Amino acid sequence: MRNFNIVFGYELKNQLKKKSVLVTTALIMVLVFALFNIPRIMNLFDNGKTAEPKQDTTLTQDVGYFFADPALEPEITKALQLTDNNLYASKDSLTKDVQDKKLKVGFVIHSLTDFESLWQDKDLESNQATALNGVLKSLFMSDKLSEMNLTMADISNLQNTQVNEKETIMGKNSTNNIILAFGLLLIVYIFVLIYGQVTSTIIAREKDSKTMELLIASCKPSALILGKVAASAVSAMVQIGGIALAAFIGYQMNKHLLPPFLIAMLSGTLTRSYILTYLFYSIVGYIMYLFLYAALGSTVSKVEDVSSATGFIQFIFIAGYISASFVMNMPSSSLSVITGFIPFTSLMVMPLRSALVTVPFWQHLVSGSLLLLTTVFLAFLSIKIYRWGTLNYGNKTGFFHAIKMALKSGK
């Protein structure tokens, strides 16, 4: 136990005092805290003033009108809020101002269903004709409805009839939960890849520098492996804990300013059952992968060989990520259930399924038990491979061959 504490304390101190870890964690904490403070910052710039709506000048600014039927002028002038500067007495004078580029466009109104547009040059953003078309169509409909003793308000009321809906969700609302749940899954994905590589590199460096021979003479392999894995696990948890604390403080300070959909997403996803599920699968699965990385780090004699040796794990882990992506679309499918039982994929699949659907307790029991047993087995295996690796120098050894030789040497 004493040796374990020494190894654990030494490795944890080395990992946490790295500038890359400190700076990265601090930056992410500041970023997360700032994200929750965006509504507060926006309110500071508003100064309590409500912006006045801007009047649409699409059909009035640099636009001229000639009414071929003078009877239409009062109605359209009122609807468009035209001034004398917009009105022309003849088509010729309107055409001349368009040609001289005093106007962007000129309109000759024949009726509510017939008009002519005059352009000197027309660009892609010229939408005045489309806008006028909509206004005239609305006026035409209003006139026709008035002949039928109906108003636009009557039609609007009919079109805007609301159907009362009462929604009762007995299980999970995937609409609210999917974004946050997948974001939390990405955190596990990133930390496994980063700290797994760090763990295997530390072990390979010790072997490359012959430090392993000195360590194994004064300390049991089990204490060395367990101490290194525990240090990597705690280091990641400290980082995640700091980020979670920044998010919690930011949320508590600004929850009254946050949009309702964000409140619904956070409260709907971060239930007690989901948090416990996420923590169990993420922590145990993370430790399982660390043992696997540690075992593979023991099979190489040079630090340069670590990447090629751990490629096998990364392939398995990426397969788990792809499985989780599939679960997003079909969380209750047979494939989702099966991948939830496989220890190498369950750490990502089960938390995501738990956020989207109600997972039966027996599935959690089977999946969790398999994950725990696999973690214990890989811990035992990594200790065996580490002990065997102290005697094996030279070319990189295949993982399965290393398992065979480690188990044989332990007999």
Protein backbone atom coordinates (compact mmCIF):
# COMPACT_ATOMS: atom_id res chain seq x y z
CA MET A 1 0.00 0.00 0.00
CA ARG A 2 2.87 2.34 0.84
CA ASN A 3 4.48 1.78 -2.56
CA PHE A 4 1.15 2.46 -4.27
CA ASN A 5 0.77 5.77 -2.42
CA ILE A 6 4.28 6.84 -3.39
CA VAL A 7 3.78 6.01 -7.07
CA PHE A 8 0.29 7.53 -7.11
CA GLY A 9 1.40 10.76 -5.42
CA TYR A 10 4.45 11.16 -7.64
CA GLU A 11 2.61 10.54 -10.94
CA LEU A 12 -0.37 12.69 -9.96
CA LYS A 13 1.86 15.59 -8.99
CA ASN A 14 3.77 15.34 -12.28
CA GLN A 15 0.59 15.30 -14.35
CA LEU A 16 -1.20 18.13 -12.55
CA LYS A 17 1.77 20.48 -12.53
CA LYS A 18 2.24 20.30 -16.30
CA LYS A 19 1.73 23.74 -17.85
CA SER A 20 -0.27 22.24 -20.71
CA VAL A 21 -2.74 20.70 -18.24
CA LEU A 22 -3.02 23.83 -16.08
CA VAL A 23 -3.39 26.26 -18.97
CA THR A 24 -5.84 24.09 -20.91
CA THR A 25 -8.02 23.47 -17.86
CA ALA A 26 -8.02 27.16 -16.90
CA LEU A 27 -8.94 28.26 -20.43
CA ILE A 28 -11.79 25.76 -20.68
CA MET A 29 -13.11 26.81 -17.25
CA VAL A 30 -13.07 30.48 -18.28
CA LEU A 31 -14.76 29.65 -21.59
CA VAL A 32 -17.51 27.57 -19.95
CA PHE A 33 -18.12 30.25 -17.31
CA ALA A 34 -18.22 32.94 -20.02
CA LEU A 35 -20.77 30.99 -22.09
CA PHE A 36 -23.25 31.04 -19.20
CA ASN A 37 -22.60 34.78 -18.78
CA ILE A 38 -23.44 35.71 -22.39
CA PRO A 39 -27.01 36.88 -21.50
CA ARG A 40 -25.62 39.05 -18.67
CA ILE A 41 -22.99 40.59 -20.97
CA MET A 42 -25.60 41.32 -23.64
CA ASN A 43 -27.78 43.07 -21.05
CA LEU A 44 -24.88 45.37 -20.17
CA PHE A 45 -24.71 46.60 -23.74
CA ASP A 46 -28.50 47.04 -23.97
CA ASN A 47 -28.46 49.56 -21.08
CA GLY A 48 -32.09 48.73 -20.39
CA LYS A 49 -33.25 50.29 -23.66
CA THR A 50 -35.56 48.46 -26.00
CA ALA A 51 -34.58 48.86 -29.62
CA GLU A 52 -37.27 50.52 -31.68
CA PRO A 53 -38.37 48.51 -34.70
CA LYS A 54 -37.03 49.91 -37.96
CA GLN A 55 -39.52 50.84 -40.63
CA ASP A 56 -39.27 48.81 -43.81
CA THR A 57 -38.21 51.16 -46.64
CA THR A 58 -37.98 48.52 -49.38
CA LEU A 59 -40.96 49.99 -51.27
CA THR A 60 -40.44 53.67 -50.42
CA GLN A 61 -36.73 54.55 -50.55
CA ASP A 62 -35.66 55.48 -54.11
CA VAL A 63 -38.85 53.93 -55.53
CA GLY A 64 -41.36 55.79 -57.74
CA TYR A 65 -45.00 55.07 -58.61
CA PHE A 66 -47.35 56.03 -61.43
CA PHE A 67 -51.01 54.98 -61.17
CA ALA A 68 -52.55 54.21 -64.54
CA ASP A 69 -55.87 53.97 -62.69
CA PRO A 70 -56.02 57.02 -60.36
CA ALA A 71 -58.72 55.34 -58.26
CA LEU A 72 -56.07 52.93 -56.91
CA GLU A 73 -53.80 55.69 -55.63
CA PRO A 74 -55.41 56.38 -52.20
CA GLU A 75 -55.60 52.75 -51.14
CA ILE A 76 -52.06 51.80 -52.20
CA THR A 77 -50.54 55.07 -50.97
CA LYS A 78 -51.99 54.43 -47.53
CA ALA A 79 -50.91 50.79 -47.46
CA LEU A 80 -47.32 51.58 -48.48
CA GLN A 81 -47.13 54.91 -46.60
CA LEU A 82 -45.98 56.70 -49.74
CA THR A 83 -45.08 60.39 -49.84
CA ASP A 84 -45.29 62.95 -52.65
CA ASN A 85 -41.67 62.16 -53.54
CA ASN A 86 -42.76 58.62 -54.47
CA LEU A 87 -45.65 59.70 -56.74
CA TYR A 88 -45.34 60.64 -60.42
CA ALA A 89 -47.89 62.28 -62.70
CA SER A 90 -46.84 60.39 -65.84
CA LYS A 91 -45.07 57.24 -66.88
CA ASP A 92 -42.61 59.26 -68.98
CA SER A 93 -41.35 61.31 -66.02
CA LEU A 94 -41.06 58.14 -63.95
CA THR A 95 -39.11 56.43 -66.74
CA LYS A 96 -36.73 59.39 -67.07
CA ASP A 97 -35.85 59.39 -63.36
CA VAL A 98 -35.20 55.64 -63.52
CA GLN A 99 -32.93 56.10 -66.54
CA ASP A 100 -31.07 58.94 -64.76
CA LYS A 101 -30.62 56.59 -61.77
CA LYS A 102 -32.50 58.92 -59.45
CA LEU A 103 -34.63 55.88 -58.62
CA LYS A 104 -33.74 52.23 -58.12
CA VAL A 105 -37.01 51.12 -59.66
CA GLY A 106 -40.29 52.58 -60.93
CA PHE A 107 -43.71 50.90 -60.80
CA VAL A 108 -46.65 51.54 -63.12
CA ILE A 109 -49.79 50.27 -61.35
CA HIS A 110 -52.59 49.17 -63.69
CA SER A 111 -54.66 47.26 -61.13
CA LEU A 112 -54.26 45.25 -57.96
CA THR A 113 -53.38 42.25 -60.10
CA ASP A 114 -51.36 43.98 -62.80
CA PHE A 115 -48.30 46.21 -62.57
CA GLU A 116 -45.15 46.98 -64.57
CA SER A 117 -41.67 47.48 -63.09
CA LEU A 118 -39.11 49.78 -64.71
CA TRP A 119 -35.41 49.16 -64.11
CA GLN A 120 -32.25 50.76 -65.42
CA ASP A 121 -30.05 48.13 -63.79
CA LYS A 122 -31.23 45.24 -61.67
CA ASP A 123 -28.94 43.38 -59.25
CA LEU A 124 -29.41 40.14 -57.34
CA GLU A 125 -30.61 41.93 -54.20
CA SER A 126 -33.39 43.87 -55.95
CA ASN A 127 -36.50 42.47 -54.24
CA GLN A 128 -38.85 45.47 -54.57
CA ALA A 129 -41.02 43.83 -57.23
CA THR A 130 -41.50 40.72 -55.10
CA ALA A 131 -42.42 42.85 -52.08
CA LEU A 132 -44.94 44.92 -54.08
CA ASN A 133 -46.45 41.75 -55.51
CA GLY A 134 -47.19 40.55 -51.97
CA VAL A 135 -48.72 43.86 -50.91
CA LEU A 136 -51.01 44.09 -53.96
CA LYS A 137 -52.09 40.49 -53.52
CA SER A 138 -53.01 41.21 -49.90
CA LEU A 139 -55.01 44.30 -50.89
CA PHE A 140 -56.80 42.34 -53.62
CA MET A 141 -57.76 39.61 -51.16
CA SER A 142 -58.97 42.20 -48.69
CA ASP A 143 -61.22 43.83 -51.30
CA LYS A 144 -62.68 40.48 -52.35
CA LEU A 145 -63.28 39.41 -48.77
CA SER A 146 -65.05 42.68 -47.98
CA GLU A 147 -67.47 41.94 -50.83
CA MET A 148 -68.28 38.69 -48.99
CA ASN A 149 -68.74 40.55 -45.68
CA LEU A 150 -65.49 39.05 -44.38
CA THR A 151 -62.38 40.83 -43.18
CA MET A 152 -58.72 39.87 -43.19
CA ALA A 153 -59.00 39.59 -39.41
CA ASP A 154 -61.67 36.90 -39.85
CA ILE A 155 -59.43 34.91 -42.17
CA SER A 156 -56.43 35.41 -39.90
CA ASN A 157 -58.41 34.11 -36.91
CA LEU A 158 -59.41 31.02 -38.86
CA GLN A 159 -55.85 30.37 -40.03
CA ASN A 160 -54.42 30.92 -36.56
CA THR A 161 -56.81 28.59 -34.76
CA GLN A 162 -54.85 26.87 -32.01
CA VAL A 163 -55.29 23.19 -31.17
CA ASN A 164 -54.77 22.59 -27.46
CA GLU A 165 -52.21 19.88 -26.79
CA LYS A 166 -51.28 18.32 -23.48
CA GLU A 167 -48.05 16.35 -23.54
CA THR A 168 -47.27 13.74 -20.90
CA ILE A 169 -43.85 12.09 -21.09
CA MET A 170 -43.52 9.10 -18.81
CA GLY A 171 -39.94 8.31 -19.84
CA LYS A 172 -37.27 10.47 -21.46
CA ASN A 173 -37.57 13.43 -23.81
CA SER A 174 -34.80 12.84 -26.35
CA THR A 175 -35.41 16.23 -27.95
CA ASN A 176 -34.09 18.00 -24.86
CA ASN A 177 -31.53 15.41 -23.79
CA ILE A 178 -29.63 14.49 -26.93
CA ILE A 179 -27.41 17.58 -27.27
CA LEU A 180 -26.09 17.66 -23.71
CA ALA A 181 -25.76 13.87 -23.48
CA PHE A 182 -23.68 13.73 -26.66
CA GLY A 183 -21.56 16.63 -25.42
CA LEU A 184 -20.79 14.74 -22.20
CA LEU A 185 -19.94 11.68 -24.29
CA LEU A 186 -17.36 13.73 -26.22
CA ILE A 187 -15.67 14.67 -22.93
CA VAL A 188 -15.11 10.99 -22.14
CA TYR A 189 -13.90 10.35 -25.69
CA ILE A 190 -11.31 13.13 -25.51
CA PHE A 191 -9.99 12.28 -22.04
CA VAL A 192 -9.62 8.56 -22.79
CA LEU A 193 -7.56 9.28 -25.89
CA ILE A 194 -5.40 11.94 -24.20
CA TYR A 195 -4.70 10.24 -20.87
CA GLY A 196 -4.52 6.76 -22.36
CA GLN A 197 -1.71 7.91 -24.63
CA VAL A 198 -0.03 9.67 -21.69
CA THR A 199 -0.15 6.50 -19.56
CA SER A 200 1.31 4.24 -22.24
CA THR A 201 4.00 6.84 -23.06
CA ILE A 202 5.10 7.10 -19.41
CA ILE A 203 5.55 3.34 -19.17
CA ALA A 204 7.34 3.10 -22.53
CA ARG A 205 9.69 5.97 -21.53
CA GLU A 206 10.60 4.20 -18.29
CA LYS A 207 11.41 1.08 -20.23
CA ASP A 208 13.34 2.99 -22.89
CA SER A 209 15.49 4.73 -20.24
CA LYS A 210 15.96 1.51 -18.20
CA THR A 211 14.16 3.20 -15.28
CA MET A 212 11.71 0.30 -15.21
CA GLU A 213 14.45 -2.08 -14.05
CA LEU A 214 15.15 0.09 -11.01
CA LEU A 215 11.48 0.55 -10.19
CA ILE A 216 10.62 -3.12 -10.44
CA ALA A 217 13.47 -3.98 -8.06
CA SER A 218 12.11 -1.76 -5.28
CA CYS A 219 8.39 -1.81 -5.96
CA LYS A 220 5.85 -4.45 -6.95
CA PRO A 221 4.51 -4.30 -10.52
CA SER A 222 0.97 -4.12 -9.16
CA ALA A 223 1.76 -0.98 -7.14
CA LEU A 224 3.45 0.63 -10.16
CA ILE A 225 0.64 -0.06 -12.62
CA LEU A 226 -2.20 0.69 -10.20
CA GLY A 227 -0.49 3.88 -9.04
CA LYS A 228 0.06 5.18 -12.59
CA VAL A 229 -3.48 4.35 -13.71
CA ALA A 230 -5.00 5.85 -10.55
CA ALA A 231 -2.95 9.04 -11.06
CA SER A 232 -4.16 9.41 -14.65
CA ALA A 233 -7.75 8.76 -13.57
CA VAL A 234 -7.67 11.30 -10.73
CA SER A 235 -5.89 13.90 -12.90
CA ALA A 236 -8.66 13.70 -15.49
CA MET A 237 -11.35 13.86 -12.79
CA VAL A 238 -9.73 16.98 -11.30
CA GLN A 239 -9.82 18.65 -14.72
CA ILE A 240 -13.42 17.64 -15.39
CA GLY A 241 -14.40 18.62 -11.86
CA GLY A 242 -12.92 22.10 -12.34
CA ILE A 243 -14.79 22.54 -15.63
CA ALA A 244 -18.03 21.25 -14.06
CA LEU A 245 -17.59 23.68 -11.14
CA ALA A 246 -17.15 26.62 -13.52
CA ALA A 247 -20.29 25.55 -15.39
CA PHE A 248 -22.28 25.15 -12.15
CA ILE A 249 -21.27 28.59 -10.83
CA GLY A 250 -22.03 30.20 -14.18
CA TYR A 251 -25.42 28.50 -14.32
CA GLN A 252 -26.40 29.46 -10.77
CA MET A 253 -25.42 33.08 -11.36
CA ASN A 254 -27.30 33.43 -14.62
CA LYS A 255 -30.12 30.86 -14.66
CA HIS A 256 -32.76 33.61 -14.49
CA LEU A 257 -31.29 35.10 -17.68
CA LEU A 258 -30.89 31.87 -19.67
CA PRO A 259 -33.38 31.00 -22.45
CA PRO A 260 -36.14 28.52 -21.48
CA PHE A 261 -34.99 25.84 -23.94
CA LEU A 262 -31.54 25.74 -22.29
CA ILE A 263 -33.08 25.44 -18.82
CA ALA A 264 -35.30 22.61 -20.09
CA MET A 265 -32.33 20.84 -21.66
CA LEU A 266 -30.20 21.02 -18.50
CA SER A 267 -32.96 20.08 -16.08
CA GLY A 268 -34.30 17.34 -18.36
CA THR A 269 -30.92 15.69 -18.92
CA LEU A 270 -29.06 16.14 -15.62
CA THR A 271 -31.33 14.05 -13.45
CA ARG A 272 -29.93 12.11 -10.50
CA SER A 273 -30.31 8.76 -12.27
CA TYR A 274 -28.57 10.00 -15.41
CA ILE A 275 -25.68 11.59 -13.48
CA LEU A 276 -25.09 8.35 -11.55
CA THR A 277 -25.25 6.33 -14.77
CA TYR A 278 -22.87 8.69 -16.54
CA LEU A 279 -20.37 8.72 -13.68
CA PHE A 280 -20.34 4.93 -13.26
CA TYR A 281 -19.85 4.02 -16.93
CA SER A 282 -17.49 6.92 -17.64
CA ILE A 283 -15.21 6.36 -14.63
CA VAL A 284 -15.08 2.56 -14.77
CA GLY A 285 -14.81 2.51 -18.58
CA TYR A 286 -12.12 5.19 -18.47
CA ILE A 287 -10.07 3.17 -15.97
CA MET A 288 -10.55 0.04 -18.08
CA TYR A 289 -9.05 1.76 -21.13
CA LEU A 290 -6.19 3.14 -19.03
CA PHE A 291 -5.23 -0.40 -18.01
CA LEU A 292 -5.37 -1.43 -21.66
CA TYR A 293 -3.13 1.49 -22.64
CA ALA A 294 -0.75 0.64 -19.78
CA ALA A 295 -0.52 -2.97 -20.95
CA LEU A 296 0.29 -1.94 -24.51
CA GLY A 297 2.85 0.58 -23.29
CA SER A 298 4.66 -2.31 -21.62
CA THR A 299 5.00 -4.20 -24.91
CA VAL A 300 7.31 -1.64 -26.56
CA SER A 301 10.91 -0.72 -25.77
CA LYS A 302 10.94 2.68 -27.49
CA VAL A 303 8.69 5.70 -27.02
CA GLU A 304 8.45 6.07 -30.82
CA ASP A 305 6.60 2.73 -31.01
CA VAL A 306 3.79 3.77 -28.65
CA SER A 307 1.53 5.21 -31.35
CA SER A 308 1.64 2.08 -33.49
CA ALA A 309 1.20 -0.18 -30.45
CA THR A 310 -1.89 1.69 -29.21
CA GLY A 311 -3.52 1.95 -32.65
CA PHE A 312 -5.48 -1.22 -31.87
CA ILE A 313 -7.13 0.42 -28.83
CA GLN A 314 -7.95 3.58 -30.72
CA PHE A 315 -9.65 1.50 -33.40
CA ILE A 316 -11.82 -0.21 -30.75
CA PHE A 317 -12.58 3.08 -29.03
CA ILE A 318 -13.56 4.81 -32.27
CA ALA A 319 -15.87 1.85 -32.97
CA GLY A 320 -17.54 2.59 -29.64
CA TYR A 321 -17.94 6.22 -30.63
CA ILE A 322 -19.55 5.21 -33.93
CA SER A 323 -21.88 2.87 -32.03
CA ALA A 324 -22.91 5.77 -29.80
CA SER A 325 -23.61 7.88 -32.88
CA PHE A 326 -25.92 5.13 -34.13
CA VAL A 327 -27.67 5.04 -30.75
CA MET A 328 -28.63 8.71 -31.21
CA ASN A 329 -30.97 7.71 -34.04
CA MET A 330 -32.14 4.29 -32.81
CA PRO A 331 -31.60 4.04 -29.02
CA SER A 332 -33.97 1.07 -28.63
CA SER A 333 -32.66 -1.03 -31.52
CA SER A 334 -31.10 -4.47 -31.07
CA LEU A 335 -27.70 -3.15 -32.09
CA SER A 336 -27.90 -0.44 -29.40
CA VAL A 337 -28.76 -3.03 -26.76
CA ILE A 338 -25.94 -5.37 -27.85
CA THR A 339 -23.27 -2.65 -27.97
CA GLY A 340 -24.49 -1.57 -24.53
CA PHE A 341 -23.41 -4.97 -23.17
CA ILE A 342 -19.93 -4.94 -24.76
CA PRO A 343 -17.53 -3.39 -22.20
CA PHE A 344 -15.41 -1.56 -24.81
CA THR A 345 -18.45 0.28 -26.16
CA SER A 346 -20.81 0.35 -23.18
CA LEU A 347 -19.05 3.30 -21.51
CA MET A 348 -20.35 5.52 -24.33
CA VAL A 349 -23.49 3.70 -25.41
CA MET A 350 -25.20 3.18 -22.05
CA PRO A 351 -25.07 6.81 -20.80
CA LEU A 352 -26.40 8.01 -24.15
CA ARG A 353 -29.18 5.41 -24.19
CA SER A 354 -30.08 6.34 -20.60
CA ALA A 355 -30.52 9.96 -21.66
CA LEU A 356 -32.76 9.11 -24.62
CA VAL A 357 -34.88 6.15 -23.48
CA THR A 358 -35.78 4.29 -20.31
CA VAL A 359 -33.24 1.44 -20.02
CA PRO A 360 -34.45 -1.62 -18.04
CA PHE A 361 -32.58 -2.21 -14.77
CA TRP A 362 -31.49 -5.72 -15.81
CA GLN A 363 -29.65 -4.25 -18.80
CA HIS A 364 -27.79 -1.85 -16.50
CA LEU A 365 -26.99 -4.76 -14.17
CA VAL A 366 -25.60 -6.98 -16.94
CA SER A 367 -23.73 -4.19 -18.69
CA GLY A 368 -22.26 -2.76 -15.47
CA SER A 369 -21.17 -6.18 -14.22
CA LEU A 370 -19.44 -7.02 -17.51
CA LEU A 371 -17.69 -3.65 -17.48
CA LEU A 372 -16.45 -4.14 -13.90
CA LEU A 373 -15.26 -7.70 -14.54
CA THR A 374 -13.44 -6.65 -17.72
CA THR A 375 -11.76 -3.78 -15.86
CA VAL A 376 -10.55 -6.12 -13.11
CA PHE A 377 -9.31 -8.63 -15.68
CA LEU A 378 -7.42 -5.97 -17.65
CA ALA A 379 -5.88 -4.68 -14.40
CA PHE A 380 -4.61 -8.19 -13.68
CA LEU A 381 -3.45 -8.58 -17.27
CA SER A 382 -1.64 -5.25 -17.41
CA ILE A 383 0.30 -6.12 -14.21
CA LYS A 384 1.33 -9.45 -15.75
CA ILE A 385 2.39 -7.80 -19.02
CA TYR A 386 4.27 -5.08 -17.15
CA ARG A 387 6.24 -7.68 -15.16
CA TRP A 388 6.98 -9.62 -18.33
CA GLY A 389 7.93 -6.39 -20.13
CA THR A 390 10.78 -5.73 -17.69
CA LEU A 391 12.55 -8.77 -19.08
CA ASN A 392 11.63 -8.26 -22.72
CA TYR A 393 13.69 -5.68 -24.61
CA GLY A 394 14.07 -5.39 -28.33
CA ASN A 395 11.49 -5.24 -31.06
CA LYS A 396 7.87 -4.34 -30.44
CA THR A 397 5.77 -7.32 -29.39
CA GLY A 398 2.23 -7.96 -30.55
CA PHE A 399 -0.46 -7.50 -27.90
CA PHE A 400 -1.85 -11.03 -28.05
CA HIS A 401 1.63 -12.53 -28.07
CA ALA A 402 2.46 -10.39 -25.02
CA ILE A 403 -0.63 -11.75 -23.24
CA LYS A 404 0.42 -15.33 -24.00
CA MET A 405 3.98 -14.79 -22.82
CA ALA A 406 2.94 -12.83 -19.70
CA LEU A 407 0.50 -15.51 -18.59
CA LYS A 408 3.04 -18.25 -19.30
CA SER A 409 5.78 -16.48 -17.34
CA GLY A 410 3.43 -16.04 -14.40
CA LYS A 411 2.98 -19.77 -13.96
